[in-house]
C-alpha atoms as a PDB file:
ATOM      1  CA  GLU A   1     106.231 136.472 163.779  1.00  0.00           C
ATOM      2  CA  ASP A   2     104.940 140.059 164.133  1.00  0.00           C
ATOM      3  CA  ILE A   3     101.540 140.101 165.688  1.00  0.00           C
ATOM      4  CA  MET A   4     101.689 143.908 166.305  1.00  0.00           C
ATOM      5  CA  THR A   5      98.960 145.761 164.525  1.00  0.00           C
ATOM      6  CA  SER A   6     100.188 148.128 162.013  1.00  0.00           C
ATOM      7  CA  ILE A   7      98.302 151.158 161.181  1.00  0.00           C
ATOM      8  CA  THR A   8      98.801 153.829 158.815  1.00  0.00           C
ATOM      9  CA  ILE A   9      97.189 157.215 159.665  1.00  0.00           C
ATOM     10  CA  PHE A  10      96.690 159.979 156.849  1.00  0.00           C
ATOM     11  CA  GLY A  11      96.311 163.407 158.496  1.00  0.00           C
ATOM     12  CA  ASN A  12      98.193 165.163 161.315  1.00  0.00           C
ATOM     13  CA  GLY A  13      95.247 167.059 162.682  1.00  0.00           C
ATOM     14  CA  ASN A  14      93.444 166.923 165.976  1.00  0.00           C
ATOM     15  CA  MET A  15      91.702 163.646 164.885  1.00  0.00           C
ATOM     16  CA  GLY A  16      94.903 161.962 163.489  1.00  0.00           C
ATOM     17  CA  THR A  17      96.779 162.810 166.538  1.00  0.00           C
ATOM     18  CA  ALA A  18      94.083 161.703 169.035  1.00  0.00           C
ATOM     19  CA  ILE A  19      93.493 158.251 167.148  1.00  0.00           C
ATOM     20  CA  ASP A  20      97.281 157.913 166.931  1.00  0.00           C
ATOM     21  CA  SER A  21      97.558 158.274 170.770  1.00  0.00           C
ATOM     22  CA  VAL A  22      94.639 155.549 171.517  1.00  0.00           C
ATOM     23  CA  LEU A  23      96.161 153.017 168.963  1.00  0.00           C
ATOM     24  CA  ALA A  24      99.785 153.543 169.938  1.00  0.00           C
ATOM     25  CA  LYS A  25      98.762 153.072 173.664  1.00  0.00           C
ATOM     26  CA  GLY A  26      97.328 149.576 172.680  1.00  0.00           C
ATOM     27  CA  GLY A  27     100.664 148.701 171.090  1.00  0.00           C
ATOM     28  CA  ALA A  28     100.040 149.535 167.564  1.00  0.00           C
ATOM     29  CA  ASP A  29     102.860 150.385 165.083  1.00  0.00           C
ATOM     30  CA  VAL A  30     101.718 153.554 163.745  1.00  0.00           C
ATOM     31  CA  GLN A  31     102.847 155.371 160.582  1.00  0.00           C
ATOM     32  CA  HIS A  32     101.618 158.975 159.646  1.00  0.00           C
ATOM     33  CA  ILE A  33     101.222 160.227 156.127  1.00  0.00           C
ATOM     34  CA  GLY A  34     100.816 163.896 155.692  1.00  0.00           C
ATOM     35  CA  SER A  35      99.266 166.024 153.223  1.00  0.00           C
ATOM     36  CA  ALA A  36     102.657 167.121 151.817  1.00  0.00           C
ATOM     37  CA  ASP A  37     103.628 163.391 151.260  1.00  0.00           C
ATOM     38  CA  ASN A  38     103.010 162.105 147.808  1.00  0.00           C
ATOM     39  CA  ASN A  39     102.744 158.523 147.010  1.00  0.00           C
ATOM     40  CA  ALA A  40     104.192 157.307 150.246  1.00  0.00           C
ATOM     41  CA  ASP A  41     104.604 153.556 151.142  1.00  0.00           C
ATOM     42  CA  VAL A  42     101.435 152.546 153.072  1.00  0.00           C
ATOM     43  CA  ARG A  43     102.673 150.158 155.640  1.00  0.00           C
ATOM     44  CA  GLY A  44      99.579 149.548 157.724  1.00  0.00           C
ATOM     45  CA  ASP A  45      97.078 146.822 157.365  1.00  0.00           C
ATOM     46  CA  ILE A  46      94.517 149.245 158.899  1.00  0.00           C
ATOM     47  CA  VAL A  47      94.490 152.518 157.152  1.00  0.00           C
ATOM     48  CA  VAL A  48      92.719 155.423 159.033  1.00  0.00           C
ATOM     49  CA  LEU A  49      91.838 158.607 156.759  1.00  0.00           C
ATOM     50  CA  ALA A  50      91.904 161.128 159.540  1.00  0.00           C
ATOM     51  CA  VAL A  51      91.316 164.129 156.991  1.00  0.00           C
ATOM     52  CA  PRO A  52      88.345 166.298 156.144  1.00  0.00           C
ATOM     53  CA  TYR A  53      85.740 164.766 153.734  1.00  0.00           C
ATOM     54  CA  PRO A  54      86.916 166.805 150.756  1.00  0.00           C
ATOM     55  CA  ALA A  55      90.406 165.097 150.853  1.00  0.00           C
ATOM     56  CA  ILE A  56      88.943 161.629 150.716  1.00  0.00           C
ATOM     57  CA  ALA A  57      88.557 161.391 146.910  1.00  0.00           C
ATOM     58  CA  GLN A  58      92.104 162.413 146.065  1.00  0.00           C
ATOM     59  CA  ILE A  59      93.583 160.083 148.623  1.00  0.00           C
ATOM     60  CA  ALA A  60      91.396 157.381 146.919  1.00  0.00           C
ATOM     61  CA  ALA A  61      92.644 158.280 143.511  1.00  0.00           C
ATOM     62  CA  ASP A  62      96.352 158.597 144.613  1.00  0.00           C
ATOM     63  CA  TYR A  63      96.714 155.573 146.690  1.00  0.00           C
ATOM     64  CA  GLY A  64      93.876 153.272 145.363  1.00  0.00           C
ATOM     65  CA  ASP A  65      96.320 150.524 144.461  1.00  0.00           C
ATOM     66  CA  LYS A  66      98.118 150.458 147.722  1.00  0.00           C
ATOM     67  CA  LEU A  67      94.943 150.221 149.694  1.00  0.00           C
ATOM     68  CA  ALA A  68      93.669 147.045 147.989  1.00  0.00           C
ATOM     69  CA  GLY A  69      93.208 144.430 150.550  1.00  0.00           C
ATOM     70  CA  LYS A  70      93.439 146.747 153.327  1.00  0.00           C
ATOM     71  CA  THR A  71      90.977 147.894 156.134  1.00  0.00           C
ATOM     72  CA  VAL A  72      90.246 151.544 155.258  1.00  0.00           C
ATOM     73  CA  VAL A  73      88.697 153.633 158.143  1.00  0.00           C
ATOM     74  CA  ASP A  74      86.664 156.570 157.124  1.00  0.00           C
ATOM     75  CA  ILE A  75      86.276 159.203 159.999  1.00  0.00           C
ATOM     76  CA  THR A  76      84.624 161.864 158.074  1.00  0.00           C
ATOM     77  CA  ASN A  77      81.500 163.815 158.431  1.00  0.00           C
ATOM     78  CA  PRO A  78      80.530 165.003 154.914  1.00  0.00           C
ATOM     79  CA  LEU A  79      79.303 168.353 156.045  1.00  0.00           C
ATOM     80  CA  ASP A  80      78.659 171.439 153.806  1.00  0.00           C
ATOM     81  CA  PHE A  81      81.368 173.590 155.559  1.00  0.00           C
ATOM     82  CA  ALA A  82      79.971 176.576 153.811  1.00  0.00           C
ATOM     83  CA  THR A  83      76.372 176.474 155.472  1.00  0.00           C
ATOM     84  CA  PHE A  84      77.347 173.930 158.198  1.00  0.00           C
ATOM     85  CA  ASP A  85      73.613 173.022 157.714  1.00  0.00           C
ATOM     86  CA  ALA A  86      73.634 169.908 155.341  1.00  0.00           C
ATOM     87  CA  LEU A  87      75.460 166.828 154.386  1.00  0.00           C
ATOM     88  CA  VAL A  88      76.870 166.772 150.887  1.00  0.00           C
ATOM     89  CA  VAL A  89      76.290 163.004 150.075  1.00  0.00           C
ATOM     90  CA  PRO A  90      73.104 161.701 148.507  1.00  0.00           C
ATOM     91  CA  ALA A  91      70.183 161.157 150.767  1.00  0.00           C
ATOM     92  CA  GLY A  92      70.315 157.663 152.139  1.00  0.00           C
ATOM     93  CA  SER A  93      74.029 157.280 151.073  1.00  0.00           C
ATOM     94  CA  SER A  94      77.180 158.084 153.052  1.00  0.00           C
ATOM     95  CA  ALA A  95      80.712 159.240 152.520  1.00  0.00           C
ATOM     96  CA  THR A  96      81.808 155.804 153.542  1.00  0.00           C
ATOM     97  CA  ALA A  97      79.572 154.158 150.859  1.00  0.00           C
ATOM     98  CA  GLU A  98      81.010 156.353 148.253  1.00  0.00           C
ATOM     99  CA  LEU A  99      84.534 155.579 149.421  1.00  0.00           C
ATOM    100  CA  GLN A 100      83.822 151.727 149.068  1.00  0.00           C
ATOM    101  CA  GLN A 101      82.711 152.246 145.604  1.00  0.00           C
ATOM    102  CA  ALA A 102      85.889 154.159 144.886  1.00  0.00           C
ATOM    103  CA  LEU A 103      88.013 151.477 146.578  1.00  0.00           C
ATOM    104  CA  PRO A 104      86.274 148.171 145.640  1.00  0.00           C
ATOM    105  CA  ALA A 105      89.311 146.095 146.568  1.00  0.00           C
ATOM    106  CA  ALA A 106      89.625 147.734 150.113  1.00  0.00           C
ATOM    107  CA  ASN A 107      87.287 146.791 153.272  1.00  0.00           C
ATOM    108  CA  VAL A 108      86.005 150.232 154.102  1.00  0.00           C
ATOM    109  CA  VAL A 109      84.453 151.004 157.604  1.00  0.00           C
ATOM    110  CA  LYS A 110      83.081 153.853 159.189  1.00  0.00           C
ATOM    111  CA  ALA A 111      84.632 154.690 162.616  1.00  0.00           C
ATOM    112  CA  PHE A 112      85.426 157.631 164.994  1.00  0.00           C
ATOM    113  CA  ASN A 113      83.078 160.161 163.215  1.00  0.00           C
ATOM    114  CA  THR A 114      80.819 160.446 166.149  1.00  0.00           C
ATOM    115  CA  ASN A 115      83.894 161.104 168.564  1.00  0.00           C
ATOM    116  CA  PHE A 116      85.440 164.575 169.147  1.00  0.00           C
ATOM    117  CA  ALA A 117      89.302 164.377 169.431  1.00  0.00           C
ATOM    118  CA  ALA A 118      89.330 165.553 173.126  1.00  0.00           C
ATOM    119  CA  THR A 119      87.031 162.475 174.164  1.00  0.00           C
ATOM    120  CA  LEU A 120      89.304 160.178 172.367  1.00  0.00           C
ATOM    121  CA  ALA A 121      92.221 161.544 174.280  1.00  0.00           C
ATOM    122  CA  SER A 122      90.536 161.665 177.564  1.00  0.00           C
ATOM    123  CA  GLY A 123      88.792 158.211 177.070  1.00  0.00           C
ATOM    124  CA  THR A 124      85.794 159.670 178.525  1.00  0.00           C
ATOM    125  CA  VAL A 125      82.485 161.527 177.511  1.00  0.00           C
ATOM    126  CA  GLY A 126      81.269 163.131 180.903  1.00  0.00           C
ATOM    127  CA  GLN A 127      81.202 160.183 183.185  1.00  0.00           C
ATOM    128  CA  ALA A 128      80.895 157.484 180.569  1.00  0.00           C
ATOM    129  CA  GLU A 129      83.706 155.587 178.912  1.00  0.00           C
ATOM    130  CA  THR A 130      84.402 156.865 175.245  1.00  0.00           C
ATOM    131  CA  THR A 131      82.765 154.510 172.863  1.00  0.00           C
ATOM    132  CA  VAL A 132      83.926 154.198 169.053  1.00  0.00           C
ATOM    133  CA  LEU A 133      80.983 153.005 166.760  1.00  0.00           C
ATOM    134  CA  ILE A 134      82.069 150.978 163.856  1.00  0.00           C
ATOM    135  CA  ALA A 135      79.982 150.192 160.641  1.00  0.00           C
ATOM    136  CA  GLY A 136      81.077 148.159 157.756  1.00  0.00           C
ATOM    137  CA  ASP A 137      80.379 145.013 155.589  1.00  0.00           C
ATOM    138  CA  ASP A 138      83.571 143.224 156.389  1.00  0.00           C
ATOM    139  CA  GLU A 139      83.392 141.339 159.878  1.00  0.00           C
ATOM    140  CA  GLY A 140      87.073 140.782 160.147  1.00  0.00           C
ATOM    141  CA  ALA A 141      87.878 144.414 159.349  1.00  0.00           C
ATOM    142  CA  LYS A 142      85.602 145.560 162.030  1.00  0.00           C
ATOM    143  CA  THR A 143      87.101 143.047 164.561  1.00  0.00           C
ATOM    144  CA  ALA A 144      90.578 144.010 163.879  1.00  0.00           C
ATOM    145  CA  LEU A 145      89.808 147.738 164.149  1.00  0.00           C
ATOM    146  CA  ALA A 146      87.745 147.247 167.288  1.00  0.00           C
ATOM    147  CA  ASP A 147      90.541 145.092 168.982  1.00  0.00           C
ATOM    148  CA  ALA A 148      92.979 147.821 168.231  1.00  0.00           C
ATOM    149  CA  ILE A 149      90.728 150.341 169.838  1.00  0.00           C
ATOM    150  CA  THR A 150      90.061 148.444 172.962  1.00  0.00           C
ATOM    151  CA  ALA A 151      93.624 147.713 173.378  1.00  0.00           C
ATOM    152  CA  GLY A 152      94.193 151.392 173.483  1.00  0.00           C
ATOM    153  CA  GLY A 153      91.670 151.751 176.351  1.00  0.00           C
ATOM    154  CA  LEU A 154      88.224 152.895 174.765  1.00  0.00           C
ATOM    155  CA  ARG A 155      85.059 150.755 173.876  1.00  0.00           C
ATOM    156  CA  ALA A 156      84.290 149.680 170.541  1.00  0.00           C
ATOM    157  CA  ILE A 157      80.838 148.626 169.506  1.00  0.00           C
ATOM    158  CA  ASP A 158      79.968 146.927 165.824  1.00  0.00           C
ATOM    159  CA  ALA A 159      77.133 149.319 164.709  1.00  0.00           C
ATOM    160  CA  GLY A 160      76.345 146.939 161.639  1.00  0.00           C
ATOM    161  CA  SER A 161      76.787 146.963 157.850  1.00  0.00           C
ATOM    162  CA  LEU A 162      78.139 149.589 155.709  1.00  0.00           C
ATOM    163  CA  LYS A 163      74.523 151.016 155.472  1.00  0.00           C
ATOM    164  CA  ARG A 164      74.604 152.071 159.096  1.00  0.00           C
ATOM    165  CA  ALA A 165      77.398 154.634 158.153  1.00  0.00           C
ATOM    166  CA  HIS A 166      74.410 156.745 157.009  1.00  0.00           C
ATOM    167  CA  GLU A 167      72.944 156.966 160.541  1.00  0.00           C
ATOM    168  CA  LEU A 168      76.461 157.444 162.039  1.00  0.00           C
ATOM    169  CA  GLU A 169      77.244 160.448 159.733  1.00  0.00           C
ATOM    170  CA  ALA A 170      73.701 161.738 160.723  1.00  0.00           C
ATOM    171  CA  ILE A 171      74.737 161.477 164.521  1.00  0.00           C
ATOM    172  CA  GLY A 172      78.183 162.935 163.720  1.00  0.00           C
ATOM    173  CA  PHE A 173      76.430 165.910 161.855  1.00  0.00           C
ATOM    174  CA  LEU A 174      74.133 166.528 164.880  1.00  0.00           C
ATOM    175  CA  GLN A 175      76.869 166.463 167.297  1.00  0.00           C
ATOM    176  CA  LEU A 176      79.059 168.942 165.296  1.00  0.00           C
ATOM    177  CA  THR A 177      76.291 171.466 164.821  1.00  0.00           C
ATOM    178  CA  LEU A 178      75.490 171.368 168.483  1.00  0.00           C
ATOM    179  CA  ALA A 179      79.071 171.957 169.304  1.00  0.00           C
ATOM    180  CA  ALA A 180      79.367 174.745 166.647  1.00  0.00           C
ATOM    181  CA  GLN A 181      76.368 176.534 168.365  1.00  0.00           C
ATOM    182  CA  GLU A 182      78.125 176.197 171.603  1.00  0.00           C
ATOM    183  CA  LYS A 183      75.071 174.217 172.832  1.00  0.00           C
ATOM    184  CA  VAL A 184      77.620 171.241 173.751  1.00  0.00           C
ATOM    185  CA  SER A 185      81.305 171.423 174.537  1.00  0.00           C
ATOM    186  CA  TRP A 186      83.970 170.272 172.006  1.00  0.00           C
ATOM    187  CA  THR A 187      85.259 168.236 174.990  1.00  0.00           C
ATOM    188  CA  ALA A 188      81.761 166.447 175.466  1.00  0.00           C
ATOM    189  CA  GLY A 189      79.392 165.054 173.024  1.00  0.00           C
ATOM    190  CA  PHE A 190      77.246 161.881 172.733  1.00  0.00           C
ATOM    191  CA  ALA A 191      77.958 159.005 174.932  1.00  0.00           C
ATOM    192  CA  VAL A 192      76.819 155.335 174.558  1.00  0.00           C
ATOM    193  CA  VAL A 193      75.829 153.747 177.785  1.00  0.00           C
ATOM    194  CA  SER A 194      75.253 149.922 177.770  1.00  0.00           C
END
């Protein structure tokens, strides 16, 4: 019986590559779907959308049926990339909450949005171990993702329900603006010490 975690990652950018390396190190079977792939088969039980926020809606529209019953991981920070000074989701909401509405049959969770790619690859933020914060309403989905992350050598913390994606996006937004202003390095960022 195949107990290996199967994961599909949309996106071949820095984040998709870094997340792939972590999960593959933990023994997961990882499939990649690039932006040029239309209507590819989605093999993974866990599907990571390692794409910019504007690409999320199209993936949900194109792959909605194939994502039913799966754990769908939203890593996006819904920034206004024109101004870099605002989030483009309604106040109090989150990209993750919007995605869950678009994919009612999937278990949508927020994760990786407070991690820069370099800290996923290195496993450290400064002297601290890299920690992935996870928010979502399905406990099984969060546990399966956390197990895959910890198998790959990082820490994972359940940050609460899907409502907490709002706060995670606020943290991700703040960290991105600090890095864009060169007040923190893209190889550094916020760490969780517990």
